[in-house]
Amino acid sequence: MARDPFKKMMSNVNMSSQNQGSTRGNLNSKLKRELAVSKEGRIYRYKKQLEVGITKDDLEKQFKKQKGCDYWMPHYQIDLNEIFVPHSIKAPSVDRWPDPKGGYVKGNFVITTRFMNLGRSNYPEDKFQEFLKEMFGEPTKIEKYF
């Protein structure tokens, strides 16, 4: 039986919506969370789960809309099988965009690679696009720095 990469991506979305890395906030965001008490009596900072309002079918539609390419690197064709390779930086990844602090809902996600998603983090889009142009576009003339 063939494995479904969109089902696996959806599993990753559900896991990311609940874990520490899903806030994409700065260090101060940890201080803004409410205090809570665990069943064992320990105090911890409560983290609200991000909304998940998409399905594996929505992921597949977005992937087709992007013609199988990375949202941030439209020349790069994503290999869906990489989702089954542990820790692969080439694996497809769901990036919350245009609102990186929002949930995984329709209109707020794109398909990218794990490499680009982790690299972009919460960096502003304009600066990230500028960086990509420097990386993949016209080379920067380094003579001006010497």
C-alpha atoms as a PDB file:
ATOM      1  CA  MET A   1       0.000   0.000   0.000  1.00  0.00           C
ATOM      2  CA  ALA A   2       1.411   3.397  -1.014  1.00  0.00           C
ATOM      3  CA  ARG A   3       2.004   5.982   1.666  1.00  0.00           C
ATOM      4  CA  ASP A   4       0.110   9.276   1.397  1.00  0.00           C
ATOM      5  CA  PRO A   5       2.477  12.270   1.687  1.00  0.00           C
ATOM      6  CA  PHE A   6      -0.405  14.690   2.298  1.00  0.00           C
ATOM      7  CA  LYS A   7      -1.636  12.583   5.210  1.00  0.00           C
ATOM      8  CA  LYS A   8       1.879  12.708   6.690  1.00  0.00           C
ATOM      9  CA  MET A   9       2.056  16.493   6.098  1.00  0.00           C
ATOM     10  CA  MET A  10      -1.292  16.866   7.880  1.00  0.00           C
ATOM     11  CA  SER A  11       0.058  14.833  10.788  1.00  0.00           C
ATOM     12  CA  ASN A  12       3.023  17.229  10.967  1.00  0.00           C
ATOM     13  CA  VAL A  13       0.641  20.220  10.912  1.00  0.00           C
ATOM     14  CA  ASN A  14      -1.345  18.801  13.824  1.00  0.00           C
ATOM     15  CA  MET A  15       1.821  18.153  15.801  1.00  0.00           C
ATOM     16  CA  SER A  16       3.249  21.618  15.035  1.00  0.00           C
ATOM     17  CA  SER A  17       0.043  23.319  16.102  1.00  0.00           C
ATOM     18  CA  GLN A  18       0.607  22.014  19.630  1.00  0.00           C
ATOM     19  CA  ASN A  19       4.339  22.223  20.266  1.00  0.00           C
ATOM     20  CA  GLN A  20       6.684  24.933  21.498  1.00  0.00           C
ATOM     21  CA  GLY A  21       8.017  25.787  18.040  1.00  0.00           C
ATOM     22  CA  SER A  22       4.588  26.560  16.643  1.00  0.00           C
ATOM     23  CA  THR A  23       4.312  30.057  18.107  1.00  0.00           C
ATOM     24  CA  ARG A  24       6.904  31.586  15.801  1.00  0.00           C
ATOM     25  CA  GLY A  25       7.092  34.370  18.339  1.00  0.00           C
ATOM     26  CA  ASN A  26      10.036  36.087  19.920  1.00  0.00           C
ATOM     27  CA  LEU A  27      11.421  35.323  23.357  1.00  0.00           C
ATOM     28  CA  ASN A  28       8.999  37.765  24.953  1.00  0.00           C
ATOM     29  CA  SER A  29       6.016  35.731  23.712  1.00  0.00           C
ATOM     30  CA  LYS A  30       6.881  33.145  26.373  1.00  0.00           C
ATOM     31  CA  LEU A  31       6.412  35.792  29.049  1.00  0.00           C
ATOM     32  CA  LYS A  32       2.954  36.756  27.791  1.00  0.00           C
ATOM     33  CA  ARG A  33       1.459  33.291  28.226  1.00  0.00           C
ATOM     34  CA  GLU A  34      -0.766  32.691  31.220  1.00  0.00           C
ATOM     35  CA  LEU A  35       0.400  30.650  34.163  1.00  0.00           C
ATOM     36  CA  ALA A  36      -1.288  27.320  34.769  1.00  0.00           C
ATOM     37  CA  VAL A  37      -0.984  24.531  37.317  1.00  0.00           C
ATOM     38  CA  SER A  38      -0.486  20.926  36.240  1.00  0.00           C
ATOM     39  CA  LYS A  39      -2.212  17.936  37.860  1.00  0.00           C
ATOM     40  CA  GLU A  40       1.019  17.326  39.763  1.00  0.00           C
ATOM     41  CA  GLY A  41       0.930  20.884  41.172  1.00  0.00           C
ATOM     42  CA  ARG A  42       3.723  22.275  38.979  1.00  0.00           C
ATOM     43  CA  ILE A  43       3.384  25.783  37.579  1.00  0.00           C
ATOM     44  CA  TYR A  44       3.945  26.229  33.861  1.00  0.00           C
ATOM     45  CA  ARG A  45       3.126  28.739  31.131  1.00  0.00           C
ATOM     46  CA  TYR A  46       0.001  27.717  29.239  1.00  0.00           C
ATOM     47  CA  LYS A  47       0.397  27.661  25.466  1.00  0.00           C
ATOM     48  CA  LYS A  48      -2.703  27.977  23.363  1.00  0.00           C
ATOM     49  CA  GLN A  49      -2.933  25.471  20.527  1.00  0.00           C
ATOM     50  CA  LEU A  50      -2.985  26.991  17.050  1.00  0.00           C
ATOM     51  CA  GLU A  51      -6.167  26.573  15.047  1.00  0.00           C
ATOM     52  CA  VAL A  52      -6.087  23.869  12.398  1.00  0.00           C
ATOM     53  CA  GLY A  53      -8.775  24.478   9.791  1.00  0.00           C
ATOM     54  CA  ILE A  54      -7.301  22.654   6.814  1.00  0.00           C
ATOM     55  CA  THR A  55      -7.378  19.074   5.582  1.00  0.00           C
ATOM     56  CA  LYS A  56      -5.013  16.874   3.610  1.00  0.00           C
ATOM     57  CA  ASP A  57      -7.152  17.698   0.553  1.00  0.00           C
ATOM     58  CA  ASP A  58      -6.435  21.407   1.094  1.00  0.00           C
ATOM     59  CA  LEU A  59      -2.712  20.614   1.236  1.00  0.00           C
ATOM     60  CA  GLU A  60      -2.934  18.684  -2.030  1.00  0.00           C
ATOM     61  CA  LYS A  61      -4.862  21.529  -3.728  1.00  0.00           C
ATOM     62  CA  GLN A  62      -2.244  24.062  -2.589  1.00  0.00           C
ATOM     63  CA  PHE A  63       0.581  21.825  -3.796  1.00  0.00           C
ATOM     64  CA  LYS A  64      -1.077  21.562  -7.233  1.00  0.00           C
ATOM     65  CA  LYS A  65      -1.734  25.316  -7.263  1.00  0.00           C
ATOM     66  CA  GLN A  66       1.997  25.835  -6.714  1.00  0.00           C
ATOM     67  CA  LYS A  67       2.640  23.290  -9.503  1.00  0.00           C
ATOM     68  CA  GLY A  68       4.616  21.131  -7.089  1.00  0.00           C
ATOM     69  CA  CYS A  69       7.159  23.869  -6.445  1.00  0.00           C
ATOM     70  CA  ASP A  70       8.417  25.470  -3.253  1.00  0.00           C
ATOM     71  CA  TYR A  71       6.513  28.695  -2.510  1.00  0.00           C
ATOM     72  CA  TRP A  72       9.696  30.594  -1.616  1.00  0.00           C
ATOM     73  CA  MET A  73      11.830  29.008  -4.366  1.00  0.00           C
ATOM     74  CA  PRO A  74       9.403  28.619  -7.287  1.00  0.00           C
ATOM     75  CA  HIS A  75      12.115  27.060  -9.463  1.00  0.00           C
ATOM     76  CA  TYR A  76      12.542  24.148  -7.007  1.00  0.00           C
ATOM     77  CA  GLN A  77      10.315  21.088  -7.548  1.00  0.00           C
ATOM     78  CA  ILE A  78       9.445  19.412  -4.231  1.00  0.00           C
ATOM     79  CA  ASP A  79       9.811  15.634  -4.002  1.00  0.00           C
ATOM     80  CA  LEU A  80       6.852  14.493  -1.884  1.00  0.00           C
ATOM     81  CA  ASN A  81       8.656  11.260  -0.950  1.00  0.00           C
ATOM     82  CA  GLU A  82      11.117  13.305   1.117  1.00  0.00           C
ATOM     83  CA  ILE A  83       8.376  13.657   3.768  1.00  0.00           C
ATOM     84  CA  PHE A  84       9.120  10.036   4.693  1.00  0.00           C
ATOM     85  CA  VAL A  85      12.864  10.649   5.124  1.00  0.00           C
ATOM     86  CA  PRO A  86      13.579  11.544   8.764  1.00  0.00           C
ATOM     87  CA  HIS A  87      15.086  15.024   9.201  1.00  0.00           C
ATOM     88  CA  SER A  88      15.215  15.672   5.440  1.00  0.00           C
ATOM     89  CA  ILE A  89      15.659  19.362   4.691  1.00  0.00           C
ATOM     90  CA  LYS A  90      14.082  18.671   1.282  1.00  0.00           C
ATOM     91  CA  ALA A  91      10.824  17.396   2.820  1.00  0.00           C
ATOM     92  CA  PRO A  92       7.653  19.337   2.057  1.00  0.00           C
ATOM     93  CA  SER A  93       6.575  21.558   4.912  1.00  0.00           C
ATOM     94  CA  VAL A  94       3.490  23.669   5.589  1.00  0.00           C
ATOM     95  CA  ASP A  95       4.408  27.292   6.254  1.00  0.00           C
ATOM     96  CA  ARG A  96       1.886  29.640   7.878  1.00  0.00           C
ATOM     97  CA  TRP A  97       1.720  32.534   5.470  1.00  0.00           C
ATOM     98  CA  PRO A  98       0.825  35.461   5.201  1.00  0.00           C
ATOM     99  CA  ASP A  99       0.239  35.516   8.994  1.00  0.00           C
ATOM    100  CA  PRO A 100       3.037  33.495  10.624  1.00  0.00           C
ATOM    101  CA  LYS A 101       1.392  33.984  14.034  1.00  0.00           C
ATOM    102  CA  GLY A 102      -1.970  32.721  12.754  1.00  0.00           C
ATOM    103  CA  GLY A 103      -3.232  29.196  12.578  1.00  0.00           C
ATOM    104  CA  TYR A 104      -3.156  26.570   9.873  1.00  0.00           C
ATOM    105  CA  VAL A 105      -6.303  27.780   8.131  1.00  0.00           C
ATOM    106  CA  LYS A 106      -7.397  28.249   4.518  1.00  0.00           C
ATOM    107  CA  GLY A 107      -5.698  31.288   3.030  1.00  0.00           C
ATOM    108  CA  ASN A 108      -2.884  31.220   5.591  1.00  0.00           C
ATOM    109  CA  PHE A 109      -0.562  28.461   4.424  1.00  0.00           C
ATOM    110  CA  VAL A 110       1.798  27.590   1.610  1.00  0.00           C
ATOM    111  CA  ILE A 111       3.893  24.520   0.814  1.00  0.00           C
ATOM    112  CA  THR A 112       7.629  24.922   1.094  1.00  0.00           C
ATOM    113  CA  THR A 113      10.580  22.757   2.094  1.00  0.00           C
ATOM    114  CA  ARG A 114      11.572  22.111   5.680  1.00  0.00           C
ATOM    115  CA  PHE A 115      14.826  23.947   4.886  1.00  0.00           C
ATOM    116  CA  MET A 116      13.040  27.139   3.825  1.00  0.00           C
ATOM    117  CA  ASN A 117      10.409  26.968   6.567  1.00  0.00           C
ATOM    118  CA  LEU A 118      12.979  26.641   9.345  1.00  0.00           C
ATOM    119  CA  GLY A 119      15.244  29.215   7.721  1.00  0.00           C
ATOM    120  CA  ARG A 120      12.543  31.838   7.261  1.00  0.00           C
ATOM    121  CA  SER A 121      11.085  31.384  10.738  1.00  0.00           C
ATOM    122  CA  ASN A 122       9.403  34.722  11.518  1.00  0.00           C
ATOM    123  CA  TYR A 123      11.675  36.855   9.336  1.00  0.00           C
ATOM    124  CA  PRO A 124       9.698  39.569   7.470  1.00  0.00           C
ATOM    125  CA  GLU A 125       8.729  38.609   3.911  1.00  0.00           C
ATOM    126  CA  ASP A 126      10.302  41.653   2.228  1.00  0.00           C
ATOM    127  CA  LYS A 127      13.659  41.032   3.899  1.00  0.00           C
ATOM    128  CA  PHE A 128      13.439  37.306   3.222  1.00  0.00           C
ATOM    129  CA  GLN A 129      12.691  37.926  -0.475  1.00  0.00           C
ATOM    130  CA  GLU A 130      15.645  40.327  -0.569  1.00  0.00           C
ATOM    131  CA  PHE A 131      17.868  37.643   0.940  1.00  0.00           C
ATOM    132  CA  LEU A 132      16.666  35.082  -1.626  1.00  0.00           C
ATOM    133  CA  LYS A 133      17.485  37.499  -4.458  1.00  0.00           C
ATOM    134  CA  GLU A 134      20.975  37.916  -3.033  1.00  0.00           C
ATOM    135  CA  MET A 135      21.347  34.151  -2.738  1.00  0.00           C
ATOM    136  CA  PHE A 136      19.912  33.118  -6.094  1.00  0.00           C
ATOM    137  CA  GLY A 137      19.835  36.303  -8.144  1.00  0.00           C
ATOM    138  CA  GLU A 138      22.510  38.727  -9.196  1.00  0.00           C
ATOM    139  CA  PRO A 139      25.740  38.215  -7.255  1.00  0.00           C
ATOM    140  CA  THR A 140      26.647  40.980  -4.834  1.00  0.00           C
ATOM    141  CA  LYS A 141      29.795  42.819  -5.796  1.00  0.00           C
ATOM    142  CA  ILE A 142      32.132  42.194  -2.874  1.00  0.00           C
ATOM    143  CA  GLU A 143      34.773  44.662  -4.065  1.00  0.00           C
ATOM    144  CA  LYS A 144      32.948  47.483  -2.283  1.00  0.00           C
ATOM    145  CA  TYR A 145      33.714  45.781   1.048  1.00  0.00           C
ATOM    146  CA  PHE A 146      37.478  45.706   0.547  1.00  0.00           C
END
